[in-house]
């Protein structure tokens, strides 16, 4: 019988842009169709040349709602079915509706731990710990072969127990582990999210003025850490309209901070309000206004506020008299590499000009090197196929049964 094949169309030697194919006979399954992280914003026709778009695909499985894992869906044929977690699908649709960065596809959904049959493939999703909400590892069984796709994961977030349970009872007789290695060869922080909460508490207590924080609206772990730190210090978290909608959308998934709760307000900035109104979403702006605060209010009672800040918000803040001072602090709670990009440089200059103290509190969305080793060891795969990393060749010592592929190379499993 023909053995299933594995092809990494993209991500064998880079971080992000994942596009991986499993094939068995004429049946094909794609694991993510991500946009490369270094692709210019206007660039198109970015699907890997080795991916055959003319042949049918049984399904595209989206591991989580980050652009480097789903950002090229708009380049795939519209009749290719797309599967994801329920809330991941909602986040992708919201992003498409507001920012126009992904097609509004008819997503089909799975539930963690419940196997689904897609053609000859049996797919079992496992909810995992990552900075993207509703992220999954995927176990695929076909033709007598068992393949685990790690997607992006960590073991130091608020869902670390999910990964720890999988490590304690791993899939038996695993043939292939497709594992990310983002943090190999890096010095990115990998503190536990609860430790970050304590760091924010300390920062909020020692800062007489406002604390401006830059973080991703879809990093729910970080929003929870900031909100809990506000509760503990008597401050109020001021989020933007988009973040408020993300929180509302995910509210039924668990106890997630919501507009209308104590210690949280929605900043109604002119630019984002206009964007929502242009998308026919004026009703949402008006509804959030009931829990809102004008940007001008952030210039009053400064010791009360923890302010979500994006480069796109600076102009609106400036127009309402909100400017950093030497009594304020700011924290860039994202990957520090973004600060070297034009928007990041301008943002840093804005804070530096006002004399605000920088105290960057962040932890990676990806597993530490030690945790990568521990996870691979627990899975005991017959083959470990590296993906989503730039230092596998230099830092891969200590991993067993490594089979290194090039982009486009076909492996019989």
Protein backbone atom coordinates (compact mmCIF):
# COMPACT_ATOMS: atom_id res chain seq x y z
CA UNK A 1 0.00 0.00 0.00
CA UNK A 2 1.24 3.50 -0.82
CA UNK A 3 2.61 5.28 2.22
CA UNK A 4 1.33 8.76 3.14
CA UNK A 5 3.64 11.60 2.17
CA UNK A 6 4.54 14.83 3.91
CA UNK A 7 5.64 18.02 2.15
CA UNK A 8 6.62 21.24 3.90
CA UNK A 9 5.85 23.78 1.21
CA UNK A 10 7.00 26.60 3.51
CA UNK A 11 8.33 26.87 7.12
CA UNK A 12 11.07 24.22 7.08
CA UNK A 13 13.70 26.94 7.58
CA UNK A 14 11.80 30.03 8.64
CA UNK A 15 9.47 31.25 11.37
CA UNK A 16 5.89 31.54 10.19
CA UNK A 17 4.37 31.20 6.76
CA UNK A 18 3.43 27.60 7.56
CA UNK A 19 2.10 25.58 4.64
CA UNK A 20 2.35 21.81 5.04
CA UNK A 21 0.71 19.07 2.99
CA UNK A 22 -0.18 15.50 3.92
CA UNK A 23 -1.18 13.25 1.03
CA UNK A 24 -2.42 9.69 0.73
CA UNK A 25 -3.27 8.57 -2.77
CA UNK A 26 -5.35 11.34 -4.31
CA UNK A 27 -6.42 12.71 -0.92
CA UNK A 28 -4.70 15.85 0.36
CA UNK A 29 -4.77 17.77 3.63
CA UNK A 30 -3.15 21.17 4.25
CA UNK A 31 -1.91 22.20 7.68
CA UNK A 32 -2.12 26.02 7.71
CA UNK A 33 -1.64 28.42 4.81
CA UNK A 34 0.29 31.22 6.50
CA UNK A 35 1.54 34.52 5.19
CA UNK A 36 5.33 34.88 5.47
CA UNK A 37 6.29 37.28 8.23
CA UNK A 38 8.68 39.19 5.97
CA UNK A 39 6.19 39.66 3.10
CA UNK A 40 5.44 43.31 2.26
CA UNK A 41 1.90 44.32 3.18
CA UNK A 42 0.85 44.77 -0.45
CA UNK A 43 2.49 41.56 -1.73
CA UNK A 44 0.27 38.96 -3.43
CA UNK A 45 0.71 35.55 -5.09
CA UNK A 46 2.60 34.30 -2.08
CA UNK A 47 1.46 30.67 -1.98
CA UNK A 48 4.51 28.39 -2.40
CA UNK A 49 5.14 27.38 -6.00
CA UNK A 50 5.34 23.71 -4.99
CA UNK A 51 1.71 23.71 -3.80
CA UNK A 52 -0.55 22.41 -6.56
CA UNK A 53 -3.69 24.57 -6.58
CA UNK A 54 -5.25 22.70 -9.50
CA UNK A 55 -5.87 19.46 -7.59
CA UNK A 56 -8.63 19.18 -4.99
CA UNK A 57 -7.84 19.45 -1.27
CA UNK A 58 -9.96 17.59 1.27
CA UNK A 59 -9.44 20.32 3.88
CA UNK A 60 -7.28 23.19 5.04
CA UNK A 61 -6.75 22.88 8.80
CA UNK A 62 -5.99 26.20 10.52
CA UNK A 63 -4.16 25.57 13.79
CA UNK A 64 -4.75 29.07 15.19
CA UNK A 65 -5.78 32.59 14.12
CA UNK A 66 -2.40 34.24 13.52
CA UNK A 67 -1.67 35.65 10.07
CA UNK A 68 1.48 33.58 9.64
CA UNK A 69 -0.76 30.50 9.83
CA UNK A 70 -3.90 31.55 7.92
CA UNK A 71 -3.01 34.78 6.08
CA UNK A 72 -2.97 33.24 2.58
CA UNK A 73 -6.42 31.70 2.69
CA UNK A 74 -7.53 34.34 0.21
CA UNK A 75 -5.12 32.84 -2.36
CA UNK A 76 -6.53 29.32 -2.06
CA UNK A 77 -9.44 28.06 -4.19
CA UNK A 78 -12.79 28.95 -2.67
CA UNK A 79 -13.98 25.35 -2.82
CA UNK A 80 -11.24 24.09 -0.49
CA UNK A 81 -12.98 23.38 2.85
CA UNK A 82 -11.49 25.18 5.87
CA UNK A 83 -11.52 23.81 9.42
CA UNK A 84 -10.58 25.57 12.65
CA UNK A 85 -11.66 25.97 16.25
CA UNK A 86 -14.99 27.74 16.67
CA UNK A 87 -13.55 30.86 18.31
CA UNK A 88 -10.56 30.92 15.96
CA UNK A 89 -13.06 31.09 13.10
CA UNK A 90 -14.87 33.97 14.79
CA UNK A 91 -11.60 35.87 15.24
CA UNK A 92 -10.63 35.36 11.61
CA UNK A 93 -14.03 36.57 10.44
CA UNK A 94 -13.85 39.62 12.71
CA UNK A 95 -10.40 40.50 11.41
CA UNK A 96 -11.66 40.12 7.84
CA UNK A 97 -14.70 42.33 8.46
CA UNK A 98 -12.79 45.14 10.17
CA UNK A 99 -9.38 45.11 8.50
CA UNK A 100 -10.02 43.13 5.31
CA UNK A 101 -7.04 40.84 5.89
CA UNK A 102 -8.62 37.43 5.22
CA UNK A 103 -11.54 36.02 3.24
CA UNK A 104 -14.82 35.47 5.01
CA UNK A 105 -14.77 31.71 4.40
CA UNK A 106 -17.34 29.18 5.56
CA UNK A 107 -15.30 27.75 8.41
CA UNK A 108 -16.10 24.28 9.71
CA UNK A 109 -15.26 23.66 13.32
CA UNK A 110 -13.94 20.96 15.59
CA UNK A 111 -13.94 20.35 19.33
CA UNK A 112 -10.86 19.59 21.35
CA UNK A 113 -10.29 15.88 21.85
CA UNK A 114 -13.06 14.82 19.44
CA UNK A 115 -11.87 13.06 16.30
CA UNK A 116 -13.36 13.95 12.91
CA UNK A 117 -13.07 12.08 9.62
CA UNK A 118 -12.03 14.05 6.55
CA UNK A 119 -11.73 11.73 3.56
CA UNK A 120 -9.26 9.01 4.61
CA UNK A 121 -7.82 11.25 7.34
CA UNK A 122 -8.77 10.98 11.01
CA UNK A 123 -8.06 14.31 12.70
CA UNK A 124 -8.06 14.83 16.46
CA UNK A 125 -7.52 18.45 17.63
CA UNK A 126 -6.03 19.22 21.04
CA UNK A 127 -6.52 22.69 22.51
CA UNK A 128 -3.08 24.01 23.45
CA UNK A 129 -1.26 26.85 25.20
CA UNK A 130 -0.27 29.74 22.90
CA UNK A 131 -0.58 33.51 22.76
CA UNK A 132 -3.32 33.13 20.12
CA UNK A 133 -6.72 32.27 21.51
CA UNK A 134 -8.20 28.89 20.49
CA UNK A 135 -4.94 27.31 19.29
CA UNK A 136 -4.61 23.60 18.57
CA UNK A 137 -2.20 20.76 18.06
CA UNK A 138 -3.48 18.27 15.48
CA UNK A 139 -3.12 14.50 15.46
CA UNK A 140 -3.64 13.10 11.96
CA UNK A 141 -3.99 9.39 11.28
CA UNK A 142 -3.98 8.04 7.73
CA UNK A 143 -2.75 4.89 6.01
CA UNK A 144 -1.45 3.43 9.25
CA UNK A 145 0.66 6.55 9.98
CA UNK A 146 0.20 8.83 13.01
CA UNK A 147 1.40 12.43 12.69
CA UNK A 148 1.25 15.13 15.37
CA UNK A 149 1.44 18.74 14.22
CA UNK A 150 2.42 20.95 17.16
CA UNK A 151 1.29 24.21 15.59
CA UNK A 152 2.59 27.00 17.82
CA UNK A 153 2.66 26.23 21.53
CA UNK A 154 4.23 26.99 24.88
CA UNK A 155 4.08 25.63 28.42
CA UNK A 156 4.24 28.91 30.37
CA UNK A 157 0.88 30.54 29.58
CA UNK A 158 -2.46 30.34 31.33
CA UNK A 159 -3.30 27.07 29.52
CA UNK A 160 0.00 25.32 30.27
CA UNK A 161 -1.87 22.43 31.91
CA UNK A 162 -3.25 21.41 28.50
CA UNK A 163 0.24 20.69 27.18
CA UNK A 164 1.35 19.10 30.43
CA UNK A 165 -1.59 16.66 30.28
CA UNK A 166 -0.73 15.73 26.70
CA UNK A 167 2.88 15.13 27.71
CA UNK A 168 1.73 12.91 30.58
CA UNK A 169 -0.44 10.82 28.23
CA UNK A 170 0.99 11.28 24.71
CA UNK A 171 -0.41 9.68 21.54
CA UNK A 172 0.93 6.14 21.29
CA UNK A 173 3.17 4.96 18.46
CA UNK A 174 3.71 8.40 16.97
CA UNK A 175 5.41 8.18 13.59
CA UNK A 176 6.04 11.88 12.93
CA UNK A 177 6.19 14.93 15.17
CA UNK A 178 6.05 18.16 13.18
CA UNK A 179 7.34 20.55 15.84
CA UNK A 180 7.93 24.28 15.89
CA UNK A 181 11.27 25.66 17.10
CA UNK A 182 10.72 29.42 17.18
CA UNK A 183 12.82 30.05 20.29
CA UNK A 184 15.82 27.92 19.35
CA UNK A 185 18.85 30.21 19.24
CA UNK A 186 16.97 33.16 20.74
CA UNK A 187 16.89 34.91 24.09
CA UNK A 188 13.17 35.69 24.11
CA UNK A 189 11.69 35.79 27.63
CA UNK A 190 9.65 32.75 28.64
CA UNK A 191 8.37 33.74 32.08
CA UNK A 192 5.05 32.31 33.20
CA UNK A 193 2.10 34.57 32.47
CA UNK A 194 1.23 34.69 36.19
CA UNK A 195 4.70 36.09 36.88
CA UNK A 196 4.02 38.83 34.32
CA UNK A 197 0.88 39.72 36.21
CA UNK A 198 2.99 40.25 39.34
CA UNK A 199 5.43 42.40 37.33
CA UNK A 200 2.55 44.57 36.10
CA UNK A 201 1.25 44.93 39.66
CA UNK A 202 4.65 46.22 40.75
CA UNK A 203 4.84 48.64 37.81
CA UNK A 204 1.35 49.99 38.42
CA UNK A 205 2.08 50.55 42.11
CA UNK A 206 5.38 52.39 41.58
CA UNK A 207 4.18 54.62 38.72
CA UNK A 208 2.50 57.87 39.87
CA UNK A 209 0.96 58.57 36.46
CA UNK A 210 -0.47 56.49 33.67
CA UNK A 211 0.94 53.23 32.37
CA UNK A 212 0.70 52.89 28.60
CA UNK A 213 0.86 49.28 27.38
CA UNK A 214 1.21 47.99 23.83
CA UNK A 215 -0.14 44.46 23.33
CA UNK A 216 -2.14 42.44 20.84
CA UNK A 217 -5.91 42.55 21.22
CA UNK A 218 -6.05 38.83 20.46
CA UNK A 219 -3.54 37.91 23.18
CA UNK A 220 -6.23 37.15 25.75
CA UNK A 221 -3.72 35.85 28.29
CA UNK A 222 -2.09 39.29 28.32
CA UNK A 223 -5.41 41.11 28.59
CA UNK A 224 -6.32 38.93 31.56
CA UNK A 225 -2.94 39.60 33.21
CA UNK A 226 -3.36 43.34 32.78
CA UNK A 227 -6.96 43.32 33.99
CA UNK A 228 -6.11 41.27 37.07
CA UNK A 229 -3.21 43.61 37.82
CA UNK A 230 -5.61 46.57 37.56
CA UNK A 231 -8.00 44.91 40.01
CA UNK A 232 -5.14 44.36 42.45
CA UNK A 233 -3.96 47.98 42.25
CA UNK A 234 -7.23 49.89 41.88
CA UNK A 235 -6.50 51.03 38.33
CA UNK A 236 -8.77 51.00 35.27
CA UNK A 237 -7.81 49.29 32.02
CA UNK A 238 -8.69 51.39 28.98
CA UNK A 239 -8.95 49.27 25.80
CA UNK A 240 -9.83 50.28 22.24
CA UNK A 241 -12.97 49.39 20.28
CA UNK A 242 -11.42 46.43 18.48
CA UNK A 243 -10.19 44.88 21.73
CA UNK A 244 -13.61 45.41 23.28
CA UNK A 245 -15.21 43.53 20.39
CA UNK A 246 -12.68 40.69 20.62
CA UNK A 247 -13.45 40.33 24.33
CA UNK A 248 -17.21 40.41 23.75
CA UNK A 249 -16.96 37.81 20.97
CA UNK A 250 -14.98 35.43 23.17
CA UNK A 251 -17.00 36.02 26.33
CA UNK A 252 -18.91 32.75 26.07
CA UNK A 253 -15.62 30.81 25.97
CA UNK A 254 -14.92 31.52 29.64
CA UNK A 255 -14.50 34.25 32.20
CA UNK A 256 -12.86 36.88 30.01
CA UNK A 257 -12.90 40.62 30.91
CA UNK A 258 -15.80 42.51 29.31
CA UNK A 259 -16.77 46.11 28.71
CA UNK A 260 -19.11 47.01 31.54
CA UNK A 261 -17.12 45.19 34.20
CA UNK A 262 -15.48 47.15 36.99
CA UNK A 263 -11.96 48.40 36.23
CA UNK A 264 -12.36 48.34 32.45
CA UNK A 265 -13.37 51.07 30.01
CA UNK A 266 -13.46 51.42 26.23
CA UNK A 267 -11.58 54.36 24.71
CA UNK A 268 -13.61 55.76 21.82
CA UNK A 269 -10.97 57.27 19.52
CA UNK A 270 -12.02 59.20 16.47
CA UNK A 271 -10.09 57.16 13.87
CA UNK A 272 -11.26 53.73 14.98
CA UNK A 273 -14.83 54.91 15.48
CA UNK A 274 -14.85 56.21 11.89
CA UNK A 275 -13.48 52.89 10.65
CA UNK A 276 -16.25 51.00 12.41
CA UNK A 277 -18.88 53.38 11.09
CA UNK A 278 -17.51 53.01 7.55
CA UNK A 279 -17.96 49.24 7.92
CA UNK A 280 -21.60 49.73 8.93
CA UNK A 281 -20.80 49.11 12.61
CA UNK A 282 -22.03 52.38 14.12
CA UNK A 283 -24.35 50.37 16.36
CA UNK A 284 -21.36 48.73 18.05
CA UNK A 285 -19.67 52.09 18.63
CA UNK A 286 -22.84 53.46 20.22
CA UNK A 287 -23.26 50.37 22.38
CA UNK A 288 -19.66 50.55 23.60
CA UNK A 289 -20.08 54.26 24.36
CA UNK A 290 -22.19 53.18 27.34
CA UNK A 291 -18.99 51.69 28.78
CA UNK A 292 -16.70 54.20 27.16
CA UNK A 293 -14.35 56.98 28.04
CA UNK A 294 -13.16 59.74 25.76
CA UNK A 295 -9.45 60.03 25.05
CA UNK A 296 -9.52 63.43 26.73
CA UNK A 297 -10.43 61.77 30.06
CA UNK A 298 -7.11 59.92 29.99
CA UNK A 299 -5.41 63.27 30.66
CA UNK A 300 -7.26 63.52 33.99
CA UNK A 301 -6.65 61.57 37.20
CA UNK A 302 -3.60 60.06 35.53
CA UNK A 303 -2.76 57.63 38.32
CA UNK A 304 -5.97 55.75 37.58
CA UNK A 305 -5.31 54.59 34.03
CA UNK A 306 -3.62 51.69 32.27
CA UNK A 307 -3.95 52.68 28.62
CA UNK A 308 -3.87 50.35 25.63
CA UNK A 309 -1.65 52.05 23.06
CA UNK A 310 -1.06 51.43 19.36
CA UNK A 311 0.91 53.58 16.91
CA UNK A 312 -2.38 54.32 15.12
CA UNK A 313 -3.84 55.81 18.32
CA UNK A 314 -1.13 58.39 18.96
CA UNK A 315 -2.61 61.08 16.72
CA UNK A 316 -6.00 60.80 18.44
CA UNK A 317 -4.35 60.90 21.86
CA UNK A 318 -2.34 63.98 20.92
CA UNK A 319 -5.42 65.80 19.64
CA UNK A 320 -7.08 65.28 23.04
CA UNK A 321 -4.10 66.42 25.09
CA UNK A 322 -2.89 62.94 26.04
CA UNK A 323 0.91 63.10 25.97
CA UNK A 324 3.38 61.01 28.00
CA UNK A 325 5.14 62.74 30.90
CA UNK A 326 7.95 61.81 33.25
CA UNK A 327 5.35 60.57 35.74
CA UNK A 328 4.12 57.97 33.26
CA UNK A 329 5.55 54.61 32.25
CA UNK A 330 5.16 52.51 29.14
CA UNK A 331 5.54 48.83 28.42
CA UNK A 332 5.92 47.17 25.04
CA UNK A 333 4.28 43.81 25.75
CA UNK A 334 4.98 42.25 22.36
CA UNK A 335 7.99 40.92 20.47
CA UNK A 336 10.67 43.60 20.78
CA UNK A 337 11.65 43.25 17.11
CA UNK A 338 8.57 45.26 16.14
CA UNK A 339 10.11 48.31 17.84
CA UNK A 340 12.76 48.38 15.10
CA UNK A 341 10.08 48.83 12.44
CA UNK A 342 8.94 52.35 11.45
CA UNK A 343 5.77 52.34 13.58
CA UNK A 344 7.73 51.04 16.56
CA UNK A 345 10.48 53.64 16.15
CA UNK A 346 7.89 56.44 16.04
CA UNK A 347 6.08 55.06 19.07
CA UNK A 348 9.26 54.85 21.14
CA UNK A 349 10.16 58.39 20.14
CA UNK A 350 6.76 59.61 21.35
CA UNK A 351 7.32 58.13 24.79
CA UNK A 352 10.97 59.20 24.95
CA UNK A 353 10.04 62.79 24.08
CA UNK A 354 7.68 62.91 27.03
CA UNK A 355 10.18 61.30 29.40
CA UNK A 356 8.01 58.28 30.22
CA UNK A 357 9.89 55.41 31.83
CA UNK A 358 10.21 52.24 29.75
CA UNK A 359 9.58 48.93 31.52
CA UNK A 360 8.94 46.21 28.97
CA UNK A 361 7.04 43.27 30.42
CA UNK A 362 6.46 40.40 28.02
CA UNK A 363 6.76 36.66 27.57
CA UNK A 364 7.00 34.65 24.38
CA UNK A 365 4.05 32.90 22.80
CA UNK A 366 6.34 29.98 22.01
CA UNK A 367 7.95 27.22 24.03
CA UNK A 368 11.32 27.68 25.68
CA UNK A 369 14.24 25.58 24.47
CA UNK A 370 14.00 23.40 27.58
CA UNK A 371 10.28 22.88 27.02
CA UNK A 372 10.83 21.98 23.36
CA UNK A 373 13.24 19.26 24.47
CA UNK A 374 10.85 18.03 27.15
CA UNK A 375 7.90 17.93 24.75
CA UNK A 376 9.78 16.08 22.01
CA UNK A 377 11.10 13.59 24.55
CA UNK A 378 7.60 12.95 25.91
CA UNK A 379 6.13 12.37 22.43
CA UNK A 380 8.78 9.77 21.47
CA UNK A 381 8.23 10.08 17.70
CA UNK A 382 9.84 7.76 15.17
CA UNK A 383 10.72 10.94 13.25
CA UNK A 384 10.93 14.54 14.46
CA UNK A 385 10.50 16.90 11.50
CA UNK A 386 11.53 20.49 12.38
CA UNK A 387 9.43 23.45 11.25
CA UNK A 388 8.86 27.12 12.13
CA UNK A 389 12.41 27.99 13.20
CA UNK A 390 15.65 29.50 11.92
CA UNK A 391 18.13 27.78 14.25
CA UNK A 392 17.25 24.10 13.99
CA UNK A 393 20.53 23.26 12.25
CA UNK A 394 22.69 25.18 14.74
CA UNK A 395 20.71 24.42 17.91
CA UNK A 396 19.14 21.03 17.20
CA UNK A 397 21.57 18.97 19.26
CA UNK A 398 19.85 16.81 21.85
CA UNK A 399 16.70 16.14 19.81
CA UNK A 400 16.32 12.50 18.81
CA UNK A 401 15.34 11.04 15.42
CA UNK A 402 15.47 14.34 13.55
CA UNK A 403 14.62 14.22 9.85
CA UNK A 404 15.49 17.56 8.27
CA UNK A 405 13.54 18.59 5.19
CA UNK A 406 13.83 21.41 2.71
CA UNK A 407 10.82 23.40 1.57
CA UNK A 408 9.13 21.43 -1.19
CA UNK A 409 10.86 18.12 -0.38
CA UNK A 410 8.57 15.08 -0.20
CA UNK A 411 8.93 12.62 2.69
CA UNK A 412 7.34 9.16 2.67
CA UNK A 413 6.18 8.61 6.23
